């Protein structure tokens, strides 16, 4: 039996690009490894210059970069390629509910689901394709 929490994560992932190109079994595997996390309003998610240790997928609320709304998924370049986060990413005024994928799981997903990586690369700066 699949836990209700895992089903909720699967549904949240399936609504977000580039996860929407994955099969249900791929989404289920990812949902089982994703951790839901709440960031309080104004909390620093990634500091400028930090190497991201996870991919963050917004499910409610928002995050900000330089006072502007951050992409819905951040920071794939840092998490996948070890590039420093250029500017601090902080939770918005109502906080942020997110699913987080640790770097080791992200590498497994990238290896097993090449369409996912293509989708990440296709994301624009506003988090949409």
N, C-alpha and C. Protein backbone atom coordinates (compact mmCIF):
# COMPACT_ATOMS: atom_id res chain seq x y z
N UNK A 1 0.83 -1.18 0.00
CA UNK A 1 0.00 0.00 0.00
C UNK A 1 0.89 1.25 0.00
N UNK A 2 0.50 2.23 -0.78
CA UNK A 2 1.25 3.47 -0.88
C UNK A 2 0.70 4.46 0.15
N UNK A 3 1.59 5.07 0.91
CA UNK A 3 1.20 6.02 1.95
C UNK A 3 0.53 7.25 1.34
N UNK A 4 -0.42 7.81 2.06
CA UNK A 4 -1.14 9.00 1.60
C UNK A 4 -0.16 10.15 1.36
N UNK A 5 0.81 10.30 2.23
CA UNK A 5 1.81 11.36 2.08
C UNK A 5 2.56 11.21 0.75
N UNK A 6 2.89 9.99 0.38
CA UNK A 6 3.60 9.75 -0.88
C UNK A 6 2.71 10.09 -2.06
N UNK A 7 1.44 9.77 -1.98
CA UNK A 7 0.49 10.10 -3.05
C UNK A 7 0.38 11.62 -3.20
N UNK A 8 0.31 12.33 -2.09
CA UNK A 8 0.25 13.81 -2.16
C UNK A 8 1.49 14.38 -2.84
N UNK A 9 2.66 13.84 -2.50
CA UNK A 9 3.89 14.31 -3.13
C UNK A 9 3.89 13.98 -4.61
N UNK A 10 3.42 12.79 -4.97
CA UNK A 10 3.34 12.39 -6.38
C UNK A 10 2.44 13.36 -7.15
N UNK A 11 1.30 13.70 -6.60
CA UNK A 11 0.38 14.63 -7.28
C UNK A 11 1.00 16.02 -7.42
N UNK A 12 1.68 16.48 -6.40
CA UNK A 12 2.33 17.79 -6.46
C UNK A 12 3.43 17.79 -7.53
N UNK A 13 4.21 16.73 -7.57
CA UNK A 13 5.27 16.63 -8.58
C UNK A 13 4.70 16.58 -9.99
N UNK A 14 3.63 15.82 -10.17
CA UNK A 14 3.08 15.64 -11.52
C UNK A 14 2.54 16.93 -12.10
N UNK A 15 2.27 17.92 -11.25
CA UNK A 15 1.76 19.20 -11.71
C UNK A 15 2.88 20.18 -12.06
N UNK A 16 4.13 19.81 -11.76
CA UNK A 16 5.25 20.72 -11.98
C UNK A 16 6.11 20.26 -13.15
N UNK A 17 6.54 21.23 -13.97
CA UNK A 17 7.50 20.91 -15.01
C UNK A 17 8.86 20.79 -14.36
N UNK A 18 9.70 19.92 -14.71
CA UNK A 18 9.67 18.95 -15.79
C UNK A 18 9.17 17.58 -15.34
N UNK A 19 8.64 17.49 -14.14
CA UNK A 19 8.17 16.20 -13.64
C UNK A 19 6.97 15.69 -14.43
N UNK A 20 6.25 16.60 -15.08
CA UNK A 20 5.05 16.22 -15.82
C UNK A 20 5.33 15.34 -17.03
N UNK A 21 6.59 15.19 -17.42
CA UNK A 21 6.92 14.32 -18.56
C UNK A 21 7.28 12.89 -18.11
N UNK A 22 7.31 12.67 -16.82
CA UNK A 22 7.71 11.36 -16.29
C UNK A 22 6.52 10.42 -16.18
N UNK A 23 6.81 9.14 -16.17
CA UNK A 23 5.75 8.14 -16.00
C UNK A 23 5.30 8.09 -14.54
N UNK A 24 4.17 7.47 -14.31
CA UNK A 24 3.67 7.35 -12.93
C UNK A 24 4.64 6.57 -12.05
N UNK A 25 5.26 5.54 -12.59
CA UNK A 25 6.21 4.77 -11.78
C UNK A 25 7.45 5.59 -11.46
N UNK A 26 7.90 6.43 -12.40
CA UNK A 26 9.03 7.31 -12.13
C UNK A 26 8.67 8.35 -11.08
N UNK A 27 7.47 8.91 -11.21
CA UNK A 27 7.00 9.90 -10.23
C UNK A 27 6.88 9.28 -8.83
N UNK A 28 6.40 8.06 -8.78
CA UNK A 28 6.26 7.39 -7.50
C UNK A 28 7.62 7.21 -6.84
N UNK A 29 8.60 6.79 -7.61
CA UNK A 29 9.95 6.62 -7.08
C UNK A 29 10.49 7.94 -6.54
N UNK A 30 10.29 9.01 -7.28
CA UNK A 30 10.76 10.33 -6.84
C UNK A 30 10.01 10.78 -5.60
N UNK A 31 8.70 10.60 -5.60
CA UNK A 31 7.89 11.01 -4.44
C UNK A 31 8.33 10.29 -3.18
N UNK A 32 8.75 9.06 -3.31
CA UNK A 32 9.20 8.30 -2.13
C UNK A 32 10.50 8.88 -1.56
N UNK A 33 11.26 9.60 -2.38
CA UNK A 33 12.54 10.17 -1.92
C UNK A 33 12.46 11.67 -1.64
N UNK A 34 11.37 12.30 -2.02
CA UNK A 34 11.21 13.74 -1.78
C UNK A 34 10.77 13.97 -0.34
N UNK A 35 11.28 15.04 0.23
CA UNK A 35 10.91 15.40 1.60
C UNK A 35 10.18 16.74 1.56
N UNK A 36 9.02 16.78 2.20
CA UNK A 36 8.30 18.04 2.27
C UNK A 36 8.92 18.87 3.38
N UNK A 37 9.07 20.16 3.09
CA UNK A 37 9.72 21.04 4.05
C UNK A 37 9.04 22.40 4.04
N UNK A 38 8.92 22.99 5.21
CA UNK A 38 8.36 24.33 5.34
C UNK A 38 9.49 25.30 5.67
N UNK A 39 9.53 26.41 4.95
CA UNK A 39 10.47 27.48 5.22
C UNK A 39 9.67 28.68 5.72
N UNK A 40 10.01 29.17 6.89
CA UNK A 40 9.31 30.31 7.49
C UNK A 40 9.52 31.57 6.64
N UNK A 41 8.59 32.53 6.74
CA UNK A 41 8.76 33.77 5.97
C UNK A 41 10.14 34.39 6.21
N UNK A 42 10.81 34.74 5.12
CA UNK A 42 12.11 35.37 5.19
C UNK A 42 13.29 34.44 5.44
N UNK A 43 13.02 33.15 5.64
CA UNK A 43 14.11 32.19 5.89
C UNK A 43 14.98 32.05 4.66
N UNK A 44 16.29 32.00 4.87
CA UNK A 44 17.21 31.79 3.76
C UNK A 44 17.18 30.32 3.36
N UNK A 45 16.87 30.07 2.12
CA UNK A 45 16.84 28.70 1.59
C UNK A 45 18.24 28.36 1.07
N UNK A 46 18.81 29.24 0.27
CA UNK A 46 20.19 29.14 -0.18
C UNK A 46 20.82 30.51 -0.07
N UNK A 47 22.00 30.57 0.52
CA UNK A 47 22.75 31.82 0.58
C UNK A 47 23.48 32.04 -0.74
N UNK A 48 23.73 33.29 -1.07
CA UNK A 48 24.52 33.60 -2.27
C UNK A 48 25.87 32.92 -2.15
N UNK A 49 26.29 32.26 -3.22
CA UNK A 49 27.58 31.58 -3.23
C UNK A 49 27.55 30.15 -2.72
N UNK A 50 26.44 29.75 -2.12
CA UNK A 50 26.31 28.38 -1.60
C UNK A 50 26.12 27.41 -2.75
N UNK A 51 26.60 26.19 -2.58
CA UNK A 51 26.32 25.11 -3.53
C UNK A 51 25.08 24.39 -3.02
N UNK A 52 24.05 24.34 -3.84
CA UNK A 52 22.79 23.71 -3.43
C UNK A 52 22.99 22.22 -3.19
N UNK A 53 22.49 21.74 -2.07
CA UNK A 53 22.58 20.32 -1.75
C UNK A 53 21.27 19.60 -2.04
N UNK A 54 20.33 20.34 -2.66
CA UNK A 54 19.03 19.77 -2.99
C UNK A 54 18.38 20.60 -4.08
N UNK A 55 17.41 19.99 -4.73
CA UNK A 55 16.55 20.68 -5.67
C UNK A 55 15.27 20.99 -4.91
N UNK A 56 14.78 22.22 -5.03
CA UNK A 56 13.60 22.66 -4.29
C UNK A 56 12.46 22.89 -5.28
N UNK A 57 11.31 22.25 -5.01
CA UNK A 57 10.13 22.36 -5.86
C UNK A 57 9.03 23.02 -5.05
N UNK A 58 8.61 24.20 -5.46
CA UNK A 58 7.57 24.94 -4.74
C UNK A 58 6.23 24.23 -4.89
N UNK A 59 5.55 24.03 -3.74
CA UNK A 59 4.19 23.50 -3.81
C UNK A 59 3.17 24.48 -3.25
N UNK A 60 3.60 25.42 -2.41
CA UNK A 60 2.73 26.49 -1.90
C UNK A 60 3.61 27.63 -1.41
N UNK A 61 3.08 28.84 -1.50
CA UNK A 61 3.87 30.00 -1.12
C UNK A 61 4.82 30.36 -2.24
N UNK A 62 5.89 31.06 -1.87
CA UNK A 62 6.85 31.46 -2.87
C UNK A 62 8.19 31.77 -2.22
N UNK A 63 9.20 31.84 -3.07
CA UNK A 63 10.53 32.25 -2.65
C UNK A 63 10.91 33.47 -3.47
N UNK A 64 11.88 34.23 -2.97
CA UNK A 64 12.30 35.44 -3.66
C UNK A 64 13.81 35.45 -3.87
N UNK A 65 14.20 36.05 -4.99
CA UNK A 65 15.60 36.31 -5.32
C UNK A 65 15.69 37.79 -5.67
N UNK A 66 16.52 38.51 -4.94
CA UNK A 66 16.66 39.96 -5.17
C UNK A 66 15.31 40.67 -5.17
N UNK A 67 14.41 40.26 -4.28
CA UNK A 67 13.11 40.90 -4.15
C UNK A 67 12.07 40.47 -5.17
N UNK A 68 12.45 39.65 -6.13
CA UNK A 68 11.53 39.16 -7.16
C UNK A 68 11.19 37.70 -6.89
N UNK A 69 10.05 37.28 -7.40
CA UNK A 69 9.64 35.89 -7.23
C UNK A 69 10.64 34.94 -7.89
N UNK A 70 11.05 33.93 -7.14
CA UNK A 70 12.00 32.93 -7.65
C UNK A 70 11.27 31.93 -8.54
N UNK A 71 12.01 31.22 -9.39
CA UNK A 71 11.39 30.16 -10.19
C UNK A 71 10.73 29.13 -9.28
N UNK A 72 9.77 28.40 -9.80
CA UNK A 72 9.06 27.37 -9.02
C UNK A 72 9.98 26.22 -8.63
N UNK A 73 11.03 25.99 -9.41
CA UNK A 73 12.02 24.96 -9.12
C UNK A 73 13.39 25.62 -9.10
N UNK A 74 14.10 25.43 -7.99
CA UNK A 74 15.43 26.02 -7.91
C UNK A 74 16.35 25.14 -7.10
N UNK A 75 17.58 25.19 -7.18
CA UNK A 75 18.47 25.73 -8.17
C UNK A 75 19.11 24.55 -8.88
N UNK A 76 18.55 24.13 -10.03
CA UNK A 76 19.06 22.92 -10.69
C UNK A 76 20.52 23.02 -11.12
N UNK A 77 20.96 24.19 -11.58
CA UNK A 77 22.34 24.33 -12.03
C UNK A 77 23.31 24.10 -10.88
N UNK A 78 22.96 24.62 -9.73
CA UNK A 78 23.82 24.44 -8.56
C UNK A 78 23.80 23.00 -8.07
N UNK A 79 22.61 22.43 -7.96
CA UNK A 79 22.48 21.06 -7.43
C UNK A 79 23.10 20.02 -8.37
N UNK A 80 22.92 20.19 -9.66
CA UNK A 80 23.43 19.20 -10.62
C UNK A 80 24.90 19.40 -10.98
N UNK A 81 25.32 20.65 -11.09
CA UNK A 81 26.65 20.93 -11.63
C UNK A 81 27.61 21.57 -10.63
N UNK A 82 27.15 21.76 -9.39
CA UNK A 82 28.02 22.31 -8.37
C UNK A 82 28.34 23.78 -8.55
N UNK A 83 27.50 24.50 -9.28
CA UNK A 83 27.71 25.93 -9.46
C UNK A 83 27.17 26.68 -8.25
N UNK A 84 27.83 27.73 -7.82
CA UNK A 84 27.31 28.50 -6.68
C UNK A 84 25.98 29.17 -7.03
N UNK A 85 25.11 29.26 -6.07
CA UNK A 85 23.85 30.00 -6.24
C UNK A 85 24.24 31.47 -6.37
N UNK A 86 23.85 32.13 -7.47
CA UNK A 86 24.32 33.51 -7.69
C UNK A 86 23.84 34.52 -6.65
N UNK A 87 22.57 34.42 -6.26
CA UNK A 87 21.99 35.36 -5.31
C UNK A 87 21.19 34.57 -4.28
N UNK A 88 21.08 35.11 -3.08
CA UNK A 88 20.35 34.44 -2.02
C UNK A 88 18.90 34.17 -2.44
N UNK A 89 18.38 33.03 -2.03
CA UNK A 89 16.99 32.67 -2.26
C UNK A 89 16.35 32.56 -0.88
N UNK A 90 15.31 33.36 -0.65
CA UNK A 90 14.65 33.39 0.66
C UNK A 90 13.16 33.11 0.50
N UNK A 91 12.57 32.57 1.55
CA UNK A 91 11.13 32.31 1.55
C UNK A 91 10.38 33.64 1.50
N UNK A 92 9.26 33.63 0.79
CA UNK A 92 8.43 34.82 0.64
C UNK A 92 7.72 35.20 1.93
N UNK A 93 6.89 36.24 1.88
CA UNK A 93 6.23 36.77 3.07
C UNK A 93 5.27 35.79 3.75
N UNK A 94 4.77 34.81 3.00
CA UNK A 94 3.89 33.79 3.59
C UNK A 94 4.62 32.47 3.80
N UNK A 95 5.93 32.48 3.61
CA UNK A 95 6.70 31.26 3.75
C UNK A 95 6.67 30.44 2.47
N UNK A 96 7.24 29.25 2.56
CA UNK A 96 7.31 28.38 1.39
C UNK A 96 7.13 26.93 1.83
N UNK A 97 6.22 26.24 1.16
CA UNK A 97 6.08 24.79 1.30
C UNK A 97 6.72 24.20 0.06
N UNK A 98 7.63 23.28 0.27
CA UNK A 98 8.37 22.75 -0.87
C UNK A 98 8.63 21.26 -0.72
N UNK A 99 8.85 20.63 -1.85
CA UNK A 99 9.38 19.28 -1.87
C UNK A 99 10.86 19.42 -2.20
N UNK A 100 11.68 18.72 -1.46
CA UNK A 100 13.12 18.81 -1.63
C UNK A 100 13.68 17.45 -2.01
N UNK A 101 14.53 17.47 -3.03
CA UNK A 101 15.20 16.25 -3.48
C UNK A 101 16.69 16.41 -3.22
N UNK A 102 17.22 15.57 -2.35
CA UNK A 102 18.64 15.62 -2.03
C UNK A 102 19.47 15.32 -3.27
N UNK A 103 20.65 15.91 -3.32
CA UNK A 103 21.54 15.78 -4.48
C UNK A 103 21.76 14.32 -4.91
N UNK A 104 22.02 13.38 -4.00
CA UNK A 104 22.22 11.99 -4.46
C UNK A 104 21.00 11.42 -5.20
N UNK A 105 19.80 11.75 -4.72
CA UNK A 105 18.58 11.27 -5.39
C UNK A 105 18.42 11.96 -6.73
N UNK A 106 18.81 13.21 -6.78
CA UNK A 106 18.70 13.97 -8.03
C UNK A 106 19.59 13.36 -9.11
N UNK A 107 20.78 12.93 -8.75
CA UNK A 107 21.68 12.30 -9.72
C UNK A 107 21.09 10.97 -10.21
N UNK A 108 20.47 10.22 -9.31
CA UNK A 108 19.84 8.96 -9.71
C UNK A 108 18.71 9.24 -10.69
N UNK A 109 17.89 10.23 -10.38
CA UNK A 109 16.78 10.60 -11.26
C UNK A 109 17.31 11.03 -12.62
N UNK A 110 18.36 11.84 -12.62
CA UNK A 110 18.94 12.32 -13.89
C UNK A 110 19.45 11.16 -14.73
N UNK A 111 20.05 10.17 -14.08
CA UNK A 111 20.59 9.02 -14.82
C UNK A 111 19.47 8.13 -15.35
N UNK A 112 18.43 7.94 -14.55
CA UNK A 112 17.35 7.02 -14.92
C UNK A 112 16.27 7.67 -15.79
N UNK A 113 16.16 8.99 -15.74
CA UNK A 113 15.08 9.69 -16.46
C UNK A 113 15.66 10.84 -17.27
N UNK A 114 16.26 10.58 -18.42
CA UNK A 114 16.89 11.66 -19.20
C UNK A 114 15.91 12.76 -19.61
N UNK A 115 14.64 12.42 -19.79
CA UNK A 115 13.65 13.45 -20.15
C UNK A 115 13.53 14.50 -19.04
N UNK A 116 13.76 14.08 -17.81
CA UNK A 116 13.72 15.00 -16.68
C UNK A 116 14.82 16.05 -16.82
N UNK A 117 16.03 15.63 -17.17
CA UNK A 117 17.15 16.57 -17.32
C UNK A 117 16.88 17.51 -18.47
N UNK A 118 16.37 16.99 -19.58
CA UNK A 118 16.03 17.84 -20.72
C UNK A 118 15.00 18.89 -20.28
N UNK A 119 14.03 18.48 -19.49
CA UNK A 119 13.02 19.40 -18.99
C UNK A 119 13.60 20.46 -18.06
N UNK A 120 14.55 20.07 -17.22
CA UNK A 120 15.20 21.06 -16.34
C UNK A 120 15.95 22.09 -17.16
N UNK A 121 16.66 21.64 -18.17
CA UNK A 121 17.42 22.57 -19.01
C UNK A 121 16.47 23.51 -19.75
N UNK A 122 15.30 23.02 -20.13
CA UNK A 122 14.34 23.82 -20.88
C UNK A 122 13.63 24.86 -20.01
N UNK A 123 13.71 24.71 -18.69
CA UNK A 123 13.03 25.68 -17.84
C UNK A 123 13.62 27.07 -18.05
N UNK A 124 12.75 28.04 -18.16
CA UNK A 124 13.21 29.42 -18.30
C UNK A 124 13.56 30.00 -16.94
N UNK A 125 14.00 31.21 -16.90
CA UNK A 125 14.39 31.86 -15.65
C UNK A 125 13.20 32.07 -14.72
N UNK A 126 11.97 32.01 -15.26
CA UNK A 126 10.80 32.17 -14.40
C UNK A 126 10.24 30.82 -13.96
N UNK A 127 10.97 29.74 -14.23
CA UNK A 127 10.55 28.41 -13.79
C UNK A 127 9.54 27.76 -14.72
N UNK A 128 9.31 28.32 -15.89
CA UNK A 128 8.39 27.72 -16.84
C UNK A 128 9.12 27.42 -18.14
N UNK A 129 8.60 26.46 -18.87
CA UNK A 129 9.23 26.10 -20.15
C UNK A 129 8.77 27.02 -21.25
